[in-house]
């Protein structure tokens, strides 16, 4: 799943982080898991997390053994967006032509 459309006009790394977090909204992710999901270096990830935290788009939950990062509730879409339901050309034609 992807973050809501209104949060997609951010830097590429920030959007990648939000998308990864939305996919695991219930469990959250560690910094290491986010780094692997976003495929960026640690410095770039740190800048993205800082910007997202400043804008209250992520929630950081410190734990006994690890810190978990989750998306803010307003970032998670309630229903899947149309962007996620990509249709093949054949499906698109079948829906529109009376065969």
N, C-alpha and C. Protein backbone atom coordinates (compact mmCIF):
# COMPACT_ATOMS: atom_id res chain seq x y z
N UNK A 1 0.85 -1.17 0.00
CA UNK A 1 0.00 0.00 0.00
C UNK A 1 0.90 1.23 0.00
N UNK A 2 0.37 2.32 -0.49
CA UNK A 2 1.15 3.56 -0.57
C UNK A 2 0.54 4.61 0.33
N UNK A 3 1.37 5.57 0.71
CA UNK A 3 0.91 6.68 1.53
C UNK A 3 -0.13 7.49 0.75
N UNK A 4 -0.95 8.23 1.47
CA UNK A 4 -1.98 9.05 0.83
C UNK A 4 -1.35 10.00 -0.18
N UNK A 5 -2.12 10.32 -1.19
CA UNK A 5 -1.64 11.15 -2.29
C UNK A 5 -1.11 12.51 -1.82
N UNK A 6 -1.74 13.11 -0.82
CA UNK A 6 -1.32 14.45 -0.38
C UNK A 6 0.07 14.45 0.28
N UNK A 7 0.61 13.27 0.58
CA UNK A 7 1.94 13.18 1.19
C UNK A 7 2.98 12.67 0.21
N UNK A 8 2.65 12.62 -1.06
CA UNK A 8 3.56 12.07 -2.06
C UNK A 8 4.37 13.14 -2.79
N UNK A 9 4.17 14.40 -2.46
CA UNK A 9 4.91 15.48 -3.13
C UNK A 9 6.13 15.89 -2.30
N UNK A 10 6.78 14.93 -1.70
CA UNK A 10 7.95 15.14 -0.86
C UNK A 10 9.17 14.58 -1.57
N UNK A 11 10.32 14.69 -0.94
CA UNK A 11 11.55 14.13 -1.50
C UNK A 11 11.39 12.62 -1.71
N UNK A 12 12.09 12.09 -2.68
CA UNK A 12 11.96 10.67 -3.06
C UNK A 12 12.20 9.73 -1.87
N UNK A 13 13.21 10.02 -1.08
CA UNK A 13 13.51 9.17 0.07
C UNK A 13 12.39 9.23 1.10
N UNK A 14 11.84 10.40 1.34
CA UNK A 14 10.74 10.55 2.30
C UNK A 14 9.52 9.75 1.85
N UNK A 15 9.22 9.78 0.57
CA UNK A 15 8.08 9.03 0.04
C UNK A 15 8.34 7.53 0.16
N UNK A 16 9.57 7.10 -0.11
CA UNK A 16 9.92 5.68 0.01
C UNK A 16 9.77 5.22 1.46
N UNK A 17 10.18 6.06 2.40
CA UNK A 17 10.05 5.72 3.82
C UNK A 17 8.57 5.64 4.21
N UNK A 18 7.78 6.62 3.80
CA UNK A 18 6.35 6.59 4.12
C UNK A 18 5.66 5.37 3.53
N UNK A 19 5.99 5.03 2.28
CA UNK A 19 5.38 3.85 1.65
C UNK A 19 5.75 2.58 2.41
N UNK A 20 7.00 2.46 2.79
CA UNK A 20 7.44 1.27 3.53
C UNK A 20 6.72 1.19 4.88
N UNK A 21 6.58 2.33 5.54
CA UNK A 21 5.90 2.34 6.84
C UNK A 21 4.41 2.04 6.72
N UNK A 22 3.79 2.54 5.67
CA UNK A 22 2.36 2.27 5.46
C UNK A 22 2.13 0.78 5.23
N UNK A 23 3.07 0.14 4.54
CA UNK A 23 2.95 -1.31 4.32
C UNK A 23 2.99 -2.09 5.63
N UNK A 24 3.68 -1.56 6.63
CA UNK A 24 3.80 -2.24 7.92
C UNK A 24 3.28 -1.34 9.03
N UNK A 25 2.15 -0.70 8.79
CA UNK A 25 1.61 0.30 9.71
C UNK A 25 1.34 -0.25 11.11
N UNK A 26 0.89 -1.47 11.22
CA UNK A 26 0.55 -2.03 12.53
C UNK A 26 1.79 -2.37 13.35
N UNK A 27 2.78 -2.96 12.70
CA UNK A 27 3.98 -3.41 13.40
C UNK A 27 5.06 -2.34 13.50
N UNK A 28 5.12 -1.45 12.51
CA UNK A 28 6.19 -0.48 12.47
C UNK A 28 7.46 -1.11 11.94
N UNK A 29 8.50 -0.32 11.86
CA UNK A 29 9.78 -0.80 11.33
C UNK A 29 10.93 -0.19 12.12
N UNK A 30 12.02 -0.92 12.18
CA UNK A 30 13.23 -0.37 12.79
C UNK A 30 13.97 0.46 11.74
N UNK A 31 14.96 1.20 12.18
CA UNK A 31 15.76 1.99 11.25
C UNK A 31 16.44 1.08 10.23
N UNK A 32 16.93 -0.07 10.69
CA UNK A 32 17.61 -0.98 9.77
C UNK A 32 16.66 -1.55 8.73
N UNK A 33 15.44 -1.88 9.12
CA UNK A 33 14.45 -2.38 8.17
C UNK A 33 14.06 -1.29 7.18
N UNK A 34 13.94 -0.06 7.66
CA UNK A 34 13.61 1.06 6.78
C UNK A 34 14.72 1.32 5.78
N UNK A 35 15.96 1.22 6.26
CA UNK A 35 17.10 1.44 5.37
C UNK A 35 17.09 0.42 4.24
N UNK A 36 16.80 -0.82 4.56
CA UNK A 36 16.74 -1.87 3.53
C UNK A 36 15.55 -1.66 2.59
N UNK A 37 14.41 -1.27 3.13
CA UNK A 37 13.22 -1.08 2.30
C UNK A 37 13.36 0.13 1.38
N UNK A 38 13.94 1.21 1.87
CA UNK A 38 14.07 2.43 1.07
C UNK A 38 15.30 2.39 0.16
N UNK A 39 16.23 1.47 0.44
CA UNK A 39 17.45 1.31 -0.34
C UNK A 39 18.23 2.61 -0.45
N UNK A 40 18.49 3.23 0.70
CA UNK A 40 19.28 4.47 0.76
C UNK A 40 20.34 4.33 1.84
N UNK A 41 21.34 5.24 1.79
CA UNK A 41 22.37 5.18 2.82
C UNK A 41 21.83 5.78 4.11
N UNK A 42 22.52 5.54 5.19
CA UNK A 42 22.03 5.91 6.52
C UNK A 42 21.89 7.43 6.68
N UNK A 43 22.79 8.20 6.06
CA UNK A 43 22.70 9.66 6.18
C UNK A 43 21.45 10.20 5.50
N UNK A 44 21.15 9.67 4.33
CA UNK A 44 19.96 10.10 3.60
C UNK A 44 18.70 9.69 4.36
N UNK A 45 18.71 8.49 4.92
CA UNK A 45 17.58 8.02 5.72
C UNK A 45 17.38 8.90 6.95
N UNK A 46 18.47 9.27 7.59
CA UNK A 46 18.40 10.12 8.78
C UNK A 46 17.76 11.47 8.46
N UNK A 47 18.16 12.07 7.34
CA UNK A 47 17.57 13.35 6.92
C UNK A 47 16.08 13.20 6.64
N UNK A 48 15.71 12.11 5.97
CA UNK A 48 14.30 11.87 5.66
C UNK A 48 13.48 11.68 6.93
N UNK A 49 13.99 10.89 7.86
CA UNK A 49 13.27 10.66 9.12
C UNK A 49 13.13 11.95 9.91
N UNK A 50 14.17 12.77 9.90
CA UNK A 50 14.11 14.05 10.61
C UNK A 50 13.02 14.95 10.02
N UNK A 51 12.95 15.03 8.70
CA UNK A 51 11.95 15.87 8.04
C UNK A 51 10.54 15.33 8.31
N UNK A 52 10.38 14.02 8.24
CA UNK A 52 9.06 13.43 8.49
C UNK A 52 8.63 13.62 9.94
N UNK A 53 9.57 13.53 10.86
CA UNK A 53 9.26 13.73 12.29
C UNK A 53 8.87 15.18 12.55
N UNK A 54 9.57 16.11 11.94
CA UNK A 54 9.25 17.54 12.10
C UNK A 54 7.84 17.85 11.62
N UNK A 55 7.40 17.18 10.57
CA UNK A 55 6.07 17.40 10.01
C UNK A 55 5.01 16.49 10.63
N UNK A 56 5.37 15.77 11.69
CA UNK A 56 4.46 14.87 12.40
C UNK A 56 3.83 13.82 11.50
N UNK A 57 4.63 13.28 10.58
CA UNK A 57 4.13 12.24 9.68
C UNK A 57 4.56 10.85 10.13
N UNK A 58 5.44 10.78 11.13
CA UNK A 58 5.84 9.49 11.69
C UNK A 58 5.77 9.56 13.20
N UNK A 59 5.65 8.38 13.81
CA UNK A 59 5.62 8.25 15.26
C UNK A 59 6.77 7.33 15.65
N UNK A 60 7.60 7.78 16.60
CA UNK A 60 8.73 6.99 17.05
C UNK A 60 8.40 6.43 18.41
N UNK A 61 8.44 5.10 18.52
CA UNK A 61 8.11 4.42 19.77
C UNK A 61 9.35 3.71 20.31
N UNK A 62 10.00 4.30 21.31
CA UNK A 62 11.18 3.62 21.87
C UNK A 62 10.76 2.38 22.65
N UNK A 63 11.49 1.32 22.47
CA UNK A 63 11.22 0.07 23.17
C UNK A 63 12.41 -0.32 24.02
N UNK A 64 12.28 -1.41 24.72
CA UNK A 64 13.36 -1.89 25.59
C UNK A 64 14.57 -2.30 24.78
N UNK A 65 14.34 -2.98 23.65
CA UNK A 65 15.47 -3.48 22.87
C UNK A 65 15.66 -2.76 21.54
N UNK A 66 14.61 -2.16 21.00
CA UNK A 66 14.72 -1.47 19.72
C UNK A 66 13.67 -0.37 19.61
N UNK A 67 13.97 0.61 18.78
CA UNK A 67 13.04 1.71 18.52
C UNK A 67 12.26 1.37 17.26
N UNK A 68 10.95 1.53 17.32
CA UNK A 68 10.08 1.21 16.19
C UNK A 68 9.48 2.51 15.67
N UNK A 69 9.46 2.64 14.36
CA UNK A 69 8.91 3.82 13.70
C UNK A 69 7.64 3.40 12.98
N UNK A 70 6.59 4.19 13.16
CA UNK A 70 5.30 3.91 12.52
C UNK A 70 4.82 5.17 11.81
N UNK A 71 3.96 5.01 10.80
CA UNK A 71 3.41 6.20 10.15
C UNK A 71 2.32 6.81 11.02
N UNK A 72 2.17 8.11 10.93
CA UNK A 72 1.06 8.77 11.60
C UNK A 72 -0.24 8.28 10.96
N UNK A 73 -1.29 8.23 11.74
CA UNK A 73 -2.57 7.71 11.24
C UNK A 73 -3.06 8.45 10.01
N UNK A 74 -2.79 9.74 9.92
CA UNK A 74 -3.30 10.52 8.80
C UNK A 74 -2.60 10.20 7.48
N UNK A 75 -1.47 9.51 7.54
CA UNK A 75 -0.72 9.15 6.33
C UNK A 75 -1.25 7.87 5.70
N UNK A 76 -1.83 6.99 6.50
CA UNK A 76 -2.29 5.68 6.04
C UNK A 76 -3.66 5.83 5.37
N UNK A 77 -3.76 5.41 4.09
CA UNK A 77 -5.06 5.49 3.43
C UNK A 77 -6.05 4.49 4.02
N UNK A 78 -7.31 4.86 4.04
CA UNK A 78 -8.34 3.99 4.59
C UNK A 78 -8.72 2.88 3.63
N UNK A 79 -8.71 3.17 2.36
CA UNK A 79 -8.99 2.17 1.33
C UNK A 79 -7.86 2.22 0.31
N UNK A 80 -7.57 1.12 -0.37
CA UNK A 80 -6.53 1.14 -1.40
C UNK A 80 -6.86 2.17 -2.48
N UNK A 81 -5.84 2.85 -2.97
CA UNK A 81 -6.04 3.85 -4.01
C UNK A 81 -6.14 3.19 -5.37
N UNK A 82 -6.61 3.95 -6.35
CA UNK A 82 -6.72 3.44 -7.71
C UNK A 82 -5.35 3.15 -8.29
N UNK A 83 -4.31 3.85 -7.80
CA UNK A 83 -2.95 3.63 -8.30
C UNK A 83 -2.50 2.20 -8.06
N UNK A 84 -2.99 1.58 -7.01
CA UNK A 84 -2.56 0.24 -6.65
C UNK A 84 -3.21 -0.82 -7.53
N UNK A 85 -4.36 -0.52 -8.08
CA UNK A 85 -5.08 -1.48 -8.90
C UNK A 85 -4.72 -1.27 -10.36
N UNK A 86 -3.45 -1.51 -10.69
CA UNK A 86 -3.02 -1.32 -12.06
C UNK A 86 -3.65 -2.40 -12.92
N UNK A 87 -4.20 -1.98 -14.03
CA UNK A 87 -4.94 -2.85 -14.92
C UNK A 87 -4.12 -3.07 -16.18
N UNK A 88 -4.14 -4.27 -16.71
CA UNK A 88 -3.45 -4.51 -17.97
C UNK A 88 -4.28 -3.91 -19.11
N UNK A 89 -3.66 -3.74 -20.25
CA UNK A 89 -4.38 -3.18 -21.40
C UNK A 89 -5.53 -4.09 -21.81
N UNK A 90 -5.28 -5.39 -21.75
CA UNK A 90 -6.34 -6.35 -22.09
C UNK A 90 -7.54 -6.22 -21.17
N UNK A 91 -7.29 -6.10 -19.86
CA UNK A 91 -8.39 -5.92 -18.90
C UNK A 91 -9.13 -4.62 -19.16
N UNK A 92 -8.38 -3.57 -19.47
CA UNK A 92 -8.98 -2.27 -19.72
C UNK A 92 -9.90 -2.35 -20.95
N UNK A 93 -9.42 -3.01 -22.02
CA UNK A 93 -10.23 -3.14 -23.23
C UNK A 93 -11.48 -4.00 -22.96
N UNK A 94 -11.31 -5.09 -22.22
CA UNK A 94 -12.42 -5.97 -21.91
C UNK A 94 -13.53 -5.23 -21.15
N UNK A 95 -13.14 -4.33 -20.27
CA UNK A 95 -14.12 -3.56 -19.49
C UNK A 95 -14.87 -2.56 -20.37
N UNK A 96 -14.26 -2.10 -21.44
CA UNK A 96 -14.85 -1.03 -22.21
C UNK A 96 -15.51 -1.47 -23.52
N UNK A 97 -15.12 -2.62 -24.03
CA UNK A 97 -15.70 -3.10 -25.27
C UNK A 97 -16.73 -4.19 -25.00
N UNK A 98 -17.80 -4.21 -25.77
CA UNK A 98 -18.89 -5.18 -25.51
C UNK A 98 -18.65 -6.55 -26.10
N UNK A 99 -17.61 -7.25 -25.70
CA UNK A 99 -17.38 -8.63 -26.19
C UNK A 99 -18.15 -9.57 -25.32
